[in-house]
């Protein structure tokens, strides 16, 4: 199920961070950075 050469988890983390910032800026403080 490797349709993309990129790490799906890494991409999900980035998406999660962007989503959290968009939905509630306060969550940015507890989104994992890295």
PDB file of N, CA and C in Angstrom:
ATOM      1  N   UNK A   1       0.836  -1.204   0.000  1.00  0.00           N
ATOM      2  CA  UNK A   1       0.000   0.000   0.000  1.00  0.00           C
ATOM      3  C   UNK A   1       0.870   1.253   0.000  1.00  0.00           C
ATOM      4  N   UNK A   2       2.037   1.136  -0.607  1.00  0.00           N
ATOM      5  CA  UNK A   2       2.947   2.285  -0.691  1.00  0.00           C
ATOM      6  C   UNK A   2       2.726   3.007  -2.007  1.00  0.00           C
ATOM      7  N   UNK A   3       1.745   3.901  -2.019  1.00  0.00           N
ATOM      8  CA  UNK A   3       1.428   4.631  -3.245  1.00  0.00           C
ATOM      9  C   UNK A   3       2.319   5.857  -3.392  1.00  0.00           C
ATOM     10  N   UNK A   4       2.861   6.310  -2.269  1.00  0.00           N
ATOM     11  CA  UNK A   4       3.704   7.498  -2.274  1.00  0.00           C
ATOM     12  C   UNK A   4       5.044   7.190  -1.625  1.00  0.00           C
ATOM     13  N   UNK A   5       6.130   7.700  -2.167  1.00  0.00           N
ATOM     14  CA  UNK A   5       7.471   7.453  -1.620  1.00  0.00           C
ATOM     15  C   UNK A   5       7.705   8.182  -0.300  1.00  0.00           C
ATOM     16  N   UNK A   6       6.831   9.148   0.011  1.00  0.00           N
ATOM     17  CA  UNK A   6       6.976   9.914   1.251  1.00  0.00           C
ATOM     18  C   UNK A   6       6.415   9.120   2.421  1.00  0.00           C
ATOM     19  N   UNK A   7       6.885   9.428   3.597  1.00  0.00           N
ATOM     20  CA  UNK A   7       6.407   8.768   4.802  1.00  0.00           C
ATOM     21  C   UNK A   7       5.004   9.280   5.134  1.00  0.00           C
ATOM     22  N   UNK A   8       3.997   8.396   5.097  1.00  0.00           N
ATOM     23  CA  UNK A   8       2.614   8.813   5.349  1.00  0.00           C
ATOM     24  C   UNK A   8       2.432   9.399   6.748  1.00  0.00           C
ATOM     25  N   UNK A   9       3.186   8.875   7.710  1.00  0.00           N
ATOM     26  CA  UNK A   9       3.074   9.379   9.074  1.00  0.00           C
ATOM     27  C   UNK A   9       3.606  10.801   9.177  1.00  0.00           C
ATOM     28  N   UNK A  10       4.719  11.058   8.498  1.00  0.00           N
ATOM     29  CA  UNK A  10       5.304  12.396   8.505  1.00  0.00           C
ATOM     30  C   UNK A  10       4.332  13.385   7.874  1.00  0.00           C
ATOM     31  N   UNK A  11       3.726  12.959   6.773  1.00  0.00           N
ATOM     32  CA  UNK A  11       2.772  13.834   6.084  1.00  0.00           C
ATOM     33  C   UNK A  11       1.549  14.084   6.964  1.00  0.00           C
ATOM     34  N   UNK A  12       1.110  13.024   7.664  1.00  0.00           N
ATOM     35  CA  UNK A  12      -0.045  13.161   8.548  1.00  0.00           C
ATOM     36  C   UNK A  12       0.241  14.124   9.696  1.00  0.00           C
ATOM     37  N   UNK A  13       1.479  14.075  10.205  1.00  0.00           N
ATOM     38  CA  UNK A  13       1.855  14.977  11.286  1.00  0.00           C
ATOM     39  C   UNK A  13       1.764  16.425  10.831  1.00  0.00           C
ATOM     40  N   UNK A  14       2.271  16.690   9.625  1.00  0.00           N
ATOM     41  CA  UNK A  14       2.223  18.046   9.077  1.00  0.00           C
ATOM     42  C   UNK A  14       0.773  18.473   8.879  1.00  0.00           C
ATOM     43  N   UNK A  15      -0.032  17.590   8.324  1.00  0.00           N
ATOM     44  CA  UNK A  15      -1.443  17.892   8.096  1.00  0.00           C
ATOM     45  C   UNK A  15      -2.147  18.175   9.425  1.00  0.00           C
ATOM     46  N   UNK A  16      -1.827  17.370  10.431  1.00  0.00           N
ATOM     47  CA  UNK A  16      -2.427  17.539  11.752  1.00  0.00           C
ATOM     48  C   UNK A  16      -2.068  18.885  12.362  1.00  0.00           C
ATOM     49  N   UNK A  17      -0.813  19.279  12.194  1.00  0.00           N
ATOM     50  CA  UNK A  17      -0.361  20.566  12.729  1.00  0.00           C
ATOM     51  C   UNK A  17      -1.099  21.709  12.046  1.00  0.00           C
ATOM     52  N   UNK A  18      -1.173  21.655  10.722  1.00  0.00           N
ATOM     53  CA  UNK A  18      -1.855  22.704   9.958  1.00  0.00           C
ATOM     54  C   UNK A  18      -3.325  22.763  10.345  1.00  0.00           C
ATOM     55  N   UNK A  19      -3.958  21.588  10.494  1.00  0.00           N
ATOM     56  CA  UNK A  19      -5.375  21.521  10.844  1.00  0.00           C
ATOM     57  C   UNK A  19      -5.604  22.114  12.240  1.00  0.00           C
ATOM     58  N   UNK A  20      -4.734  21.739  13.176  1.00  0.00           N
ATOM     59  CA  UNK A  20      -4.864  22.231  14.545  1.00  0.00           C
ATOM     60  C   UNK A  20      -4.723  23.751  14.588  1.00  0.00           C
ATOM     61  N   UNK A  21      -3.767  24.278  13.829  1.00  0.00           N
ATOM     62  CA  UNK A  21      -3.548  25.728  13.802  1.00  0.00           C
ATOM     63  C   UNK A  21      -4.751  26.431  13.180  1.00  0.00           C
ATOM     64  N   UNK A  22      -5.322  25.812  12.154  1.00  0.00           N
ATOM     65  CA  UNK A  22      -6.463  26.413  11.467  1.00  0.00           C
ATOM     66  C   UNK A  22      -7.713  26.384  12.352  1.00  0.00           C
ATOM     67  N   UNK A  23      -7.901  25.278  13.070  1.00  0.00           N
ATOM     68  CA  UNK A  23      -9.095  25.115  13.890  1.00  0.00           C
ATOM     69  C   UNK A  23      -8.996  25.867  15.213  1.00  0.00           C
ATOM     70  N   UNK A  24      -7.848  25.753  15.865  1.00  0.00           N
ATOM     71  CA  UNK A  24      -7.680  26.373  17.175  1.00  0.00           C
ATOM     72  C   UNK A  24      -6.203  26.669  17.424  1.00  0.00           C
ATOM     73  N   UNK A  25      -5.803  27.926  17.269  1.00  0.00           N
ATOM     74  CA  UNK A  25      -4.399  28.332  17.437  1.00  0.00           C
ATOM     75  C   UNK A  25      -3.814  27.912  18.789  1.00  0.00           C
ATOM     76  N   UNK A  26      -4.652  27.756  19.797  1.00  0.00           N
ATOM     77  CA  UNK A  26      -4.172  27.364  21.117  1.00  0.00           C
ATOM     78  C   UNK A  26      -3.573  25.958  21.083  1.00  0.00           C
ATOM     79  N   UNK A  27      -4.097  25.109  20.200  1.00  0.00           N
ATOM     80  CA  UNK A  27      -3.595  23.739  20.096  1.00  0.00           C
ATOM     81  C   UNK A  27      -2.173  23.690  19.575  1.00  0.00           C
ATOM     82  N   UNK A  28      -1.740  24.760  18.945  1.00  0.00           N
ATOM     83  CA  UNK A  28      -0.385  24.810  18.392  1.00  0.00           C
ATOM     84  C   UNK A  28       0.655  24.559  19.484  1.00  0.00           C
ATOM     85  N   UNK A  29       0.311  24.914  20.725  1.00  0.00           N
ATOM     86  CA  UNK A  29       1.257  24.734  21.819  1.00  0.00           C
ATOM     87  C   UNK A  29       1.421  23.267  22.169  1.00  0.00           C
ATOM     88  N   UNK A  30       0.414  22.439  21.852  1.00  0.00           N
ATOM     89  CA  UNK A  30       0.607  21.049  22.166  1.00  0.00           C
ATOM     90  C   UNK A  30       0.623  20.118  20.982  1.00  0.00           C
ATOM     91  N   UNK A  31       0.836  20.687  19.833  1.00  0.00           N
ATOM     92  CA  UNK A  31       1.093  19.840  18.660  1.00  0.00           C
ATOM     93  C   UNK A  31       2.579  19.506  18.644  1.00  0.00           C
ATOM     94  N   UNK A  32       2.912  18.222  18.425  1.00  0.00           N
ATOM     95  CA  UNK A  32       4.321  17.821  18.372  1.00  0.00           C
ATOM     96  C   UNK A  32       5.079  18.528  17.264  1.00  0.00           C
ATOM     97  N   UNK A  33       6.178  19.155  17.606  1.00  0.00           N
ATOM     98  CA  UNK A  33       6.996  19.851  16.612  1.00  0.00           C
ATOM     99  C   UNK A  33       8.156  18.948  16.210  1.00  0.00           C
ATOM    100  N   UNK A  34       8.330  18.728  14.928  1.00  0.00           N
ATOM    101  CA  UNK A  34       9.428  17.900  14.506  1.00  0.00           C
ATOM    102  C   UNK A  34       8.994  16.989  13.391  1.00  0.00           C
TER     103      UNK A  34
END
